[in-house]
Amino acid sequence: MKAAVDAALVTKVSTPTVEYTPNDNRFAKFPDVTKYTILQTWEVGGSNPQFWKGEFSHTPQYAVVQFCEVQQVDQPFGLPPLPPECNPDGQRGYVVLFRDLGSLRFPPFVAFGMSLLLFLLGLLALHWREKDQMAAEAAKQAPAPVAVSEADDSELAKV
């Protein structure tokens, strides 16, 4: 959550390769991540769907983060930094985060189903082709039918 809060609250600076607009910094309140601290976080929702139970989509997850502006303290050189403390006159606020993975697993299952269907159709086409080849082979090897003319009754009487 810290990365998502940093992305929302810290001012983004343009570089030669990336250009940010004022709209990208509309929620920015601090110049860098050391100017604020997170006090509390709350999370609600989210899920871990199980395919074998027929669950194909996730439920949305919400998080609320409380932040405050850090009080700047001068620390002598060489000592470890003190833990950040909230400035009593500084900014305080909340950030609400929303994450919805939706039907994350559904597209791969559709691709699997379509691939399986195409594979089975290919097998069926090969089966039909093999049956046609076996029928053609059998027709070549069978003796040619002999045309029998109908004998007259007179020829049968002579014998």
N, C-alpha and C. Protein backbone atom coordinates (compact mmCIF):
# COMPACT_ATOMS: atom_id res chain seq x y z
N MET A 1 0.82 -1.19 0.00
CA MET A 1 0.00 0.00 0.00
C MET A 1 0.86 1.26 0.00
N LYS A 2 2.04 1.16 0.60
CA LYS A 2 2.92 2.32 0.67
C LYS A 2 3.24 2.84 -0.73
N ALA A 3 3.48 1.96 -1.67
CA ALA A 3 3.81 2.39 -3.04
C ALA A 3 2.62 3.10 -3.68
N ALA A 4 1.41 2.61 -3.46
CA ALA A 4 0.23 3.24 -4.03
C ALA A 4 -0.01 4.62 -3.41
N VAL A 5 0.23 4.75 -2.11
CA VAL A 5 0.07 6.04 -1.44
C VAL A 5 1.14 7.01 -1.93
N ASP A 6 2.37 6.51 -2.07
CA ASP A 6 3.44 7.37 -2.60
C ASP A 6 3.09 7.89 -4.00
N ALA A 7 2.55 7.02 -4.83
CA ALA A 7 2.20 7.42 -6.20
C ALA A 7 1.11 8.49 -6.19
N ALA A 8 0.25 8.48 -5.19
CA ALA A 8 -0.84 9.45 -5.14
C ALA A 8 -0.42 10.77 -4.48
N LEU A 9 0.37 10.71 -3.42
CA LEU A 9 0.65 11.90 -2.62
C LEU A 9 1.91 12.66 -3.00
N VAL A 10 2.87 12.03 -3.65
CA VAL A 10 4.15 12.67 -3.96
C VAL A 10 4.09 13.27 -5.36
N THR A 11 4.61 14.48 -5.49
CA THR A 11 4.62 15.19 -6.76
C THR A 11 5.54 14.47 -7.74
N LYS A 12 5.02 14.21 -8.92
CA LYS A 12 5.79 13.56 -9.97
C LYS A 12 6.54 14.62 -10.75
N VAL A 13 7.84 14.42 -10.96
CA VAL A 13 8.68 15.37 -11.66
C VAL A 13 8.94 14.84 -13.07
N SER A 14 8.76 15.70 -14.05
CA SER A 14 8.99 15.31 -15.44
C SER A 14 10.48 15.13 -15.71
N THR A 15 10.77 14.19 -16.60
CA THR A 15 12.14 13.94 -17.04
C THR A 15 12.17 14.09 -18.56
N PRO A 16 13.35 14.01 -19.17
CA PRO A 16 13.39 14.12 -20.64
C PRO A 16 12.61 13.01 -21.35
N THR A 17 12.48 11.86 -20.72
CA THR A 17 11.77 10.75 -21.37
C THR A 17 10.31 10.65 -20.97
N VAL A 18 9.95 11.18 -19.79
CA VAL A 18 8.57 11.08 -19.30
C VAL A 18 8.07 12.49 -18.98
N GLU A 19 6.93 12.82 -19.53
CA GLU A 19 6.33 14.14 -19.32
C GLU A 19 5.06 13.98 -18.49
N TYR A 20 4.97 14.67 -17.35
CA TYR A 20 3.79 14.61 -16.50
C TYR A 20 2.98 15.90 -16.66
N THR A 21 1.68 15.76 -16.64
CA THR A 21 0.78 16.91 -16.74
C THR A 21 0.29 17.30 -15.35
N PRO A 22 -0.28 18.49 -15.21
CA PRO A 22 -0.83 18.86 -13.90
C PRO A 22 -1.93 17.88 -13.43
N ASN A 23 -2.61 17.26 -14.37
CA ASN A 23 -3.63 16.30 -14.00
C ASN A 23 -3.02 15.08 -13.30
N ASP A 24 -1.77 14.72 -13.66
CA ASP A 24 -1.09 13.60 -13.02
C ASP A 24 -0.76 13.89 -11.56
N ASN A 25 -0.61 15.16 -11.22
CA ASN A 25 -0.26 15.57 -9.85
C ASN A 25 -1.45 16.18 -9.10
N ARG A 26 -2.65 15.85 -9.48
CA ARG A 26 -3.82 16.51 -8.87
C ARG A 26 -3.99 16.17 -7.39
N PHE A 27 -3.51 14.99 -6.93
CA PHE A 27 -3.64 14.63 -5.52
C PHE A 27 -2.33 14.82 -4.76
N ALA A 28 -1.28 15.26 -5.43
CA ALA A 28 0.03 15.39 -4.80
C ALA A 28 0.01 16.49 -3.74
N LYS A 29 0.53 16.16 -2.56
CA LYS A 29 0.57 17.12 -1.47
C LYS A 29 1.98 17.32 -0.93
N PHE A 30 2.92 16.42 -1.28
CA PHE A 30 4.26 16.47 -0.71
C PHE A 30 5.30 16.36 -1.82
N PRO A 31 6.46 17.03 -1.61
CA PRO A 31 7.51 16.97 -2.64
C PRO A 31 8.26 15.62 -2.67
N ASP A 32 8.37 14.94 -1.53
CA ASP A 32 9.01 13.63 -1.51
C ASP A 32 8.42 12.77 -0.39
N VAL A 33 8.84 11.51 -0.34
CA VAL A 33 8.23 10.54 0.59
C VAL A 33 8.65 10.74 2.03
N THR A 34 9.69 11.53 2.28
CA THR A 34 10.13 11.74 3.66
C THR A 34 9.33 12.83 4.36
N LYS A 35 8.43 13.50 3.66
CA LYS A 35 7.68 14.61 4.25
C LYS A 35 6.36 14.18 4.90
N TYR A 36 6.02 12.91 4.80
CA TYR A 36 4.81 12.42 5.44
C TYR A 36 5.03 11.00 5.95
N THR A 37 4.15 10.57 6.84
CA THR A 37 4.21 9.21 7.34
C THR A 37 2.80 8.63 7.40
N ILE A 38 2.73 7.33 7.35
CA ILE A 38 1.44 6.65 7.42
C ILE A 38 1.17 6.28 8.87
N LEU A 39 0.00 6.65 9.34
CA LEU A 39 -0.36 6.37 10.73
C LEU A 39 -1.07 5.03 10.87
N GLN A 40 -2.13 4.84 10.10
CA GLN A 40 -2.91 3.60 10.20
C GLN A 40 -3.41 3.20 8.82
N THR A 41 -3.69 1.90 8.68
CA THR A 41 -4.29 1.40 7.46
C THR A 41 -5.41 0.44 7.82
N TRP A 42 -6.43 0.43 6.98
CA TRP A 42 -7.55 -0.49 7.12
C TRP A 42 -7.82 -1.12 5.77
N GLU A 43 -8.08 -2.42 5.78
CA GLU A 43 -8.38 -3.13 4.54
C GLU A 43 -9.71 -3.85 4.68
N VAL A 44 -10.50 -3.81 3.61
CA VAL A 44 -11.80 -4.49 3.57
C VAL A 44 -11.96 -5.14 2.21
N GLY A 45 -12.49 -6.34 2.21
CA GLY A 45 -12.82 -7.00 0.95
C GLY A 45 -11.68 -7.82 0.42
N GLY A 46 -11.74 -8.08 -0.86
CA GLY A 46 -10.77 -8.94 -1.51
C GLY A 46 -11.19 -10.40 -1.40
N SER A 47 -10.66 -11.23 -2.24
CA SER A 47 -11.00 -12.64 -2.20
C SER A 47 -9.91 -13.46 -2.85
N ASN A 48 -10.00 -14.75 -2.67
CA ASN A 48 -9.10 -15.70 -3.30
C ASN A 48 -9.98 -16.77 -3.93
N PRO A 49 -10.53 -16.51 -5.13
CA PRO A 49 -11.47 -17.46 -5.72
C PRO A 49 -10.82 -18.80 -6.04
N GLN A 50 -11.63 -19.84 -5.90
CA GLN A 50 -11.15 -21.19 -6.16
C GLN A 50 -11.93 -21.76 -7.34
N PHE A 51 -11.19 -22.14 -8.38
CA PHE A 51 -11.79 -22.58 -9.63
C PHE A 51 -12.66 -23.81 -9.43
N TRP A 52 -12.21 -24.76 -8.62
CA TRP A 52 -12.95 -26.01 -8.45
C TRP A 52 -14.26 -25.80 -7.70
N LYS A 53 -14.45 -24.63 -7.09
CA LYS A 53 -15.73 -24.33 -6.44
C LYS A 53 -16.62 -23.47 -7.34
N GLY A 54 -16.20 -23.23 -8.57
CA GLY A 54 -17.00 -22.45 -9.51
C GLY A 54 -16.86 -20.96 -9.34
N GLU A 55 -15.83 -20.50 -8.63
CA GLU A 55 -15.60 -19.07 -8.43
C GLU A 55 -14.62 -18.59 -9.49
N PHE A 56 -15.05 -17.67 -10.35
CA PHE A 56 -14.22 -17.23 -11.47
C PHE A 56 -13.76 -15.79 -11.34
N SER A 57 -14.33 -14.99 -10.46
CA SER A 57 -13.94 -13.59 -10.39
C SER A 57 -13.65 -13.19 -8.94
N HIS A 58 -12.84 -12.16 -8.81
CA HIS A 58 -12.45 -11.63 -7.50
C HIS A 58 -13.47 -10.60 -7.03
N THR A 59 -13.56 -10.42 -5.73
CA THR A 59 -14.35 -9.31 -5.19
C THR A 59 -13.40 -8.13 -4.98
N PRO A 60 -13.87 -6.91 -5.12
CA PRO A 60 -12.99 -5.74 -4.98
C PRO A 60 -12.42 -5.63 -3.57
N GLN A 61 -11.23 -5.04 -3.49
CA GLN A 61 -10.58 -4.80 -2.21
C GLN A 61 -10.43 -3.29 -2.02
N TYR A 62 -10.74 -2.83 -0.82
CA TYR A 62 -10.65 -1.41 -0.48
C TYR A 62 -9.65 -1.26 0.67
N ALA A 63 -8.92 -0.17 0.65
CA ALA A 63 -8.00 0.14 1.74
C ALA A 63 -8.09 1.64 2.03
N VAL A 64 -8.05 1.98 3.31
CA VAL A 64 -8.03 3.38 3.73
C VAL A 64 -6.73 3.59 4.50
N VAL A 65 -6.00 4.63 4.12
CA VAL A 65 -4.70 4.92 4.75
C VAL A 65 -4.78 6.31 5.34
N GLN A 66 -4.43 6.42 6.63
CA GLN A 66 -4.38 7.72 7.30
C GLN A 66 -2.94 8.20 7.29
N PHE A 67 -2.71 9.44 6.87
CA PHE A 67 -1.36 9.98 6.80
C PHE A 67 -1.30 11.32 7.50
N CYS A 68 -0.06 11.74 7.84
CA CYS A 68 0.14 13.06 8.42
C CYS A 68 1.48 13.61 7.97
N GLU A 69 1.60 14.93 8.00
CA GLU A 69 2.85 15.59 7.64
C GLU A 69 3.85 15.39 8.77
N VAL A 70 5.12 15.15 8.41
CA VAL A 70 6.16 14.87 9.39
C VAL A 70 6.76 16.17 9.89
N GLN A 71 7.02 16.21 11.20
CA GLN A 71 7.66 17.37 11.82
C GLN A 71 9.16 17.26 11.57
N GLN A 72 9.75 18.30 11.03
CA GLN A 72 11.18 18.29 10.72
C GLN A 72 11.99 18.54 11.99
N VAL A 73 12.92 17.60 12.28
CA VAL A 73 13.76 17.69 13.48
C VAL A 73 15.21 17.72 13.02
N ASP A 74 15.98 18.65 13.58
CA ASP A 74 17.41 18.70 13.27
C ASP A 74 18.11 17.66 14.13
N GLN A 75 18.86 16.82 13.49
CA GLN A 75 19.56 15.72 14.17
C GLN A 75 21.06 15.94 13.99
N PRO A 76 21.84 15.80 15.04
CA PRO A 76 23.29 15.94 14.89
C PRO A 76 23.84 14.88 13.94
N PHE A 77 24.89 15.26 13.21
CA PHE A 77 25.50 14.37 12.24
C PHE A 77 26.08 13.14 12.94
N GLY A 78 25.87 11.98 12.34
CA GLY A 78 26.45 10.75 12.88
C GLY A 78 25.48 9.93 13.70
N LEU A 79 24.39 10.53 14.16
CA LEU A 79 23.41 9.78 14.94
C LEU A 79 22.35 9.20 14.01
N PRO A 80 21.77 8.06 14.41
CA PRO A 80 20.71 7.50 13.56
C PRO A 80 19.49 8.42 13.55
N PRO A 81 18.74 8.39 12.48
CA PRO A 81 17.57 9.28 12.41
C PRO A 81 16.51 8.88 13.43
N LEU A 82 15.82 9.88 13.92
CA LEU A 82 14.72 9.63 14.85
C LEU A 82 13.50 9.14 14.09
N PRO A 83 12.64 8.37 14.74
CA PRO A 83 11.40 7.97 14.04
C PRO A 83 10.56 9.21 13.74
N PRO A 84 9.86 9.21 12.63
CA PRO A 84 9.08 10.40 12.25
C PRO A 84 7.93 10.65 13.23
N GLU A 85 7.69 11.93 13.50
CA GLU A 85 6.58 12.34 14.35
C GLU A 85 5.69 13.29 13.57
N CYS A 86 4.40 13.21 13.82
CA CYS A 86 3.45 14.08 13.11
C CYS A 86 3.57 15.51 13.58
N ASN A 87 3.50 16.42 12.64
CA ASN A 87 3.48 17.84 12.94
C ASN A 87 2.07 18.18 13.42
N PRO A 88 1.93 18.74 14.64
CA PRO A 88 0.57 19.03 15.13
C PRO A 88 -0.18 20.06 14.28
N ASP A 89 0.54 20.94 13.60
CA ASP A 89 -0.10 21.96 12.77
C ASP A 89 -0.10 21.56 11.28
N GLY A 90 0.45 20.41 10.95
CA GLY A 90 0.59 19.99 9.55
C GLY A 90 -0.66 19.34 8.99
N GLN A 91 -0.55 18.92 7.76
CA GLN A 91 -1.67 18.28 7.06
C GLN A 91 -1.90 16.87 7.58
N ARG A 92 -3.14 16.51 7.66
CA ARG A 92 -3.56 15.15 7.96
C ARG A 92 -4.64 14.78 6.96
N GLY A 93 -4.73 13.53 6.66
CA GLY A 93 -5.77 13.14 5.72
C GLY A 93 -5.84 11.64 5.55
N TYR A 94 -6.70 11.26 4.63
CA TYR A 94 -6.94 9.86 4.32
C TYR A 94 -6.83 9.65 2.82
N VAL A 95 -6.36 8.48 2.45
CA VAL A 95 -6.32 8.08 1.05
C VAL A 95 -7.12 6.79 0.97
N VAL A 96 -8.06 6.75 0.02
CA VAL A 96 -8.85 5.54 -0.19
C VAL A 96 -8.36 4.87 -1.47
N LEU A 97 -7.96 3.61 -1.34
CA LEU A 97 -7.44 2.84 -2.47
C LEU A 97 -8.44 1.76 -2.85
N PHE A 98 -8.53 1.51 -4.14
CA PHE A 98 -9.47 0.52 -4.66
C PHE A 98 -8.72 -0.39 -5.61
N ARG A 99 -8.87 -1.71 -5.42
CA ARG A 99 -8.23 -2.68 -6.32
C ARG A 99 -9.24 -3.75 -6.68
N ASP A 100 -9.45 -3.90 -7.97
CA ASP A 100 -10.39 -4.91 -8.45
C ASP A 100 -9.70 -5.73 -9.52
N LEU A 101 -9.42 -7.00 -9.22
CA LEU A 101 -8.79 -7.88 -10.19
C LEU A 101 -9.82 -8.47 -11.14
N GLY A 102 -11.09 -8.35 -10.83
CA GLY A 102 -12.16 -8.78 -11.71
C GLY A 102 -12.08 -10.24 -12.08
N SER A 103 -12.28 -10.52 -13.33
CA SER A 103 -12.25 -11.90 -13.81
C SER A 103 -10.86 -12.20 -14.36
N LEU A 104 -9.90 -12.18 -13.49
CA LEU A 104 -8.50 -12.34 -13.88
C LEU A 104 -8.24 -13.68 -14.53
N ARG A 105 -8.94 -14.73 -14.10
CA ARG A 105 -8.69 -16.07 -14.60
C ARG A 105 -9.59 -16.43 -15.78
N PHE A 106 -10.57 -15.65 -16.07
CA PHE A 106 -11.52 -16.02 -17.13
C PHE A 106 -10.88 -16.01 -18.52
N PRO A 107 -10.15 -14.98 -18.94
CA PRO A 107 -9.55 -15.00 -20.29
C PRO A 107 -8.64 -16.20 -20.54
N PRO A 108 -7.78 -16.62 -19.59
CA PRO A 108 -6.99 -17.83 -19.87
C PRO A 108 -7.85 -19.07 -20.05
N PHE A 109 -8.95 -19.17 -19.32
CA PHE A 109 -9.83 -20.34 -19.48
C PHE A 109 -10.52 -20.32 -20.85
N VAL A 110 -10.87 -19.15 -21.33
CA VAL A 110 -11.47 -19.05 -22.67
C VAL A 110 -10.44 -19.46 -23.72
N ALA A 111 -9.21 -18.99 -23.58
CA ALA A 111 -8.15 -19.36 -24.53
C ALA A 111 -7.90 -20.86 -24.49
N PHE A 112 -7.90 -21.45 -23.30
CA PHE A 112 -7.72 -22.89 -23.17
C PHE A 112 -8.86 -23.65 -23.85
N GLY A 113 -10.09 -23.21 -23.62
CA GLY A 113 -11.26 -23.87 -24.22
C GLY A 113 -11.23 -23.79 -25.74
N MET A 114 -10.89 -22.62 -26.29
CA MET A 114 -10.83 -22.48 -27.73
C MET A 114 -9.70 -23.33 -28.33
N SER A 115 -8.56 -23.38 -27.66
CA SER A 115 -7.46 -24.22 -28.15
C SER A 115 -7.85 -25.69 -28.11
N LEU A 116 -8.52 -26.11 -27.06
CA LEU A 116 -8.97 -27.50 -26.96
C LEU A 116 -9.97 -27.83 -28.07
N LEU A 117 -10.89 -26.91 -28.33
CA LEU A 117 -11.88 -27.12 -29.39
C LEU A 117 -11.19 -27.25 -30.75
N LEU A 118 -10.25 -26.37 -31.06
CA LEU A 118 -9.53 -26.44 -32.33
C LEU A 118 -8.70 -27.73 -32.42
N PHE A 119 -8.11 -28.16 -31.34
CA PHE A 119 -7.35 -29.40 -31.34
C PHE A 119 -8.26 -30.59 -31.63
N LEU A 120 -9.43 -30.64 -30.99
CA LEU A 120 -10.36 -31.74 -31.22
C LEU A 120 -10.90 -31.72 -32.65
N LEU A 121 -11.18 -30.55 -33.21
CA LEU A 121 -11.61 -30.46 -34.60
C LEU A 121 -10.51 -30.94 -35.55
N GLY A 122 -9.27 -30.63 -35.25
CA GLY A 122 -8.15 -31.13 -36.06
C GLY A 122 -8.05 -32.65 -36.00
N LEU A 123 -8.23 -33.22 -34.80
CA LEU A 123 -8.22 -34.68 -34.68
C LEU A 123 -9.37 -35.31 -35.47
N LEU A 124 -10.54 -34.70 -35.42
CA LEU A 124 -11.68 -35.22 -36.15
C LEU A 124 -11.43 -35.17 -37.67
N ALA A 125 -10.84 -34.08 -38.14
CA ALA A 125 -10.53 -33.97 -39.57
C ALA A 125 -9.51 -35.04 -39.98
N LEU A 126 -8.52 -35.28 -39.15
CA LEU A 126 -7.55 -36.33 -39.45
C LEU A 126 -8.20 -37.71 -39.46
N HIS A 127 -9.14 -37.94 -38.56
CA HIS A 127 -9.86 -39.22 -38.51
C HIS A 127 -10.67 -39.43 -39.79
N TRP A 128 -11.38 -38.39 -40.22
CA TRP A 128 -12.18 -38.49 -41.45
C TRP A 128 -11.27 -38.73 -42.66
N ARG A 129 -10.15 -38.05 -42.70
CA ARG A 129 -9.21 -38.23 -43.81
C ARG A 129 -8.68 -39.66 -43.84
N GLU A 130 -8.36 -40.19 -42.67
CA GLU A 130 -7.85 -41.56 -42.61
C GLU A 130 -8.91 -42.57 -43.06
N LYS A 131 -10.15 -42.33 -42.67
CA LYS A 131 -11.24 -43.22 -43.11
C LYS A 131 -11.40 -43.16 -44.63
N ASP A 132 -11.33 -41.96 -45.22
CA ASP A 132 -11.43 -41.82 -46.68
C ASP A 132 -10.27 -42.53 -47.38
N GLN A 133 -9.07 -42.41 -46.84
CA GLN A 133 -7.92 -43.08 -47.44
C GLN A 133 -8.06 -44.60 -47.35
N MET A 134 -8.56 -45.11 -46.22
CA MET A 134 -8.74 -46.55 -46.08
C MET A 134 -9.80 -47.06 -47.06
N ALA A 135 -10.87 -46.28 -47.28
CA ALA A 135 -11.90 -46.67 -48.23
C ALA A 135 -11.35 -46.67 -49.66
N ALA A 136 -10.53 -45.69 -50.00
CA ALA A 136 -9.93 -45.63 -51.34
C ALA A 136 -8.96 -46.80 -51.54
N GLU A 137 -8.21 -47.14 -50.50
CA GLU A 137 -7.27 -48.26 -50.57
C GLU A 137 -8.02 -49.58 -50.76
N ALA A 138 -9.13 -49.72 -50.05
CA ALA A 138 -9.94 -50.94 -50.16
C ALA A 138 -10.56 -51.04 -51.55
N ALA A 139 -10.94 -49.92 -52.12
CA ALA A 139 -11.53 -49.94 -53.46
C ALA A 139 -10.49 -50.34 -54.52
N LYS A 140 -9.22 -49.95 -54.32
CA LYS A 140 -8.17 -50.32 -55.27
C LYS A 140 -7.85 -51.82 -55.19
N GLN A 141 -7.90 -52.39 -54.00
CA GLN A 141 -7.51 -53.78 -53.83
C GLN A 141 -8.63 -54.77 -54.11
N ALA A 142 -9.84 -54.34 -54.12
CA ALA A 142 -10.97 -55.25 -54.38
C ALA A 142 -10.97 -55.65 -55.86
N PRO A 143 -11.33 -56.92 -56.19
CA PRO A 143 -11.38 -57.33 -57.60
C PRO A 143 -12.47 -56.56 -58.33
N ALA A 144 -12.19 -56.31 -59.58
CA ALA A 144 -13.14 -55.56 -60.39
C ALA A 144 -14.38 -56.42 -60.62
N PRO A 145 -15.53 -55.88 -60.54
CA PRO A 145 -16.74 -56.67 -60.76
C PRO A 145 -16.85 -57.10 -62.23
N VAL A 146 -17.27 -58.34 -62.42
CA VAL A 146 -17.41 -58.90 -63.77
C VAL A 146 -18.83 -58.68 -64.22
N ALA A 147 -18.95 -58.18 -65.47
CA ALA A 147 -20.29 -57.96 -66.01
C ALA A 147 -20.82 -59.31 -66.53
N VAL A 148 -21.91 -59.71 -66.00
CA VAL A 148 -22.54 -60.97 -66.42
C VAL A 148 -23.74 -60.63 -67.26
N SER A 149 -23.75 -61.20 -68.48
CA SER A 149 -24.91 -60.95 -69.33
C SER A 149 -25.94 -62.03 -69.05
N GLU A 150 -27.11 -61.69 -69.25
CA GLU A 150 -28.17 -62.66 -69.01
C GLU A 150 -28.22 -63.64 -70.17
N ALA A 151 -28.13 -64.86 -69.83
CA ALA A 151 -28.15 -65.91 -70.86
C ALA A 151 -29.57 -66.16 -71.32
N ASP A 152 -29.64 -66.47 -72.59
CA ASP A 152 -30.96 -66.80 -73.12
C ASP A 152 -31.37 -68.17 -72.62
N ASP A 153 -32.64 -68.40 -72.58
CA ASP A 153 -33.13 -69.71 -72.20
C ASP A 153 -32.76 -70.76 -73.23
N SER A 154 -32.56 -70.35 -74.44
CA SER A 154 -32.21 -71.30 -75.49
C SER A 154 -30.82 -71.85 -75.28
N GLU A 155 -29.89 -71.04 -74.81
CA GLU A 155 -28.55 -71.52 -74.56
C GLU A 155 -28.56 -72.51 -73.41
N LEU A 156 -29.39 -72.32 -72.42
CA LEU A 156 -29.43 -73.23 -71.31
C LEU A 156 -30.05 -74.57 -71.71
N ALA A 157 -30.91 -74.56 -72.66
CA ALA A 157 -31.55 -75.80 -73.09
C ALA A 157 -30.60 -76.67 -73.89
N LYS A 158 -29.61 -76.11 -74.56
CA LYS A 158 -28.66 -76.86 -75.35
C LYS A 158 -27.71 -77.68 -74.50
N VAL A 159 -27.52 -77.30 -73.37
CA VAL A 159 -26.57 -78.01 -72.53
C VAL A 159 -27.12 -79.27 -72.00
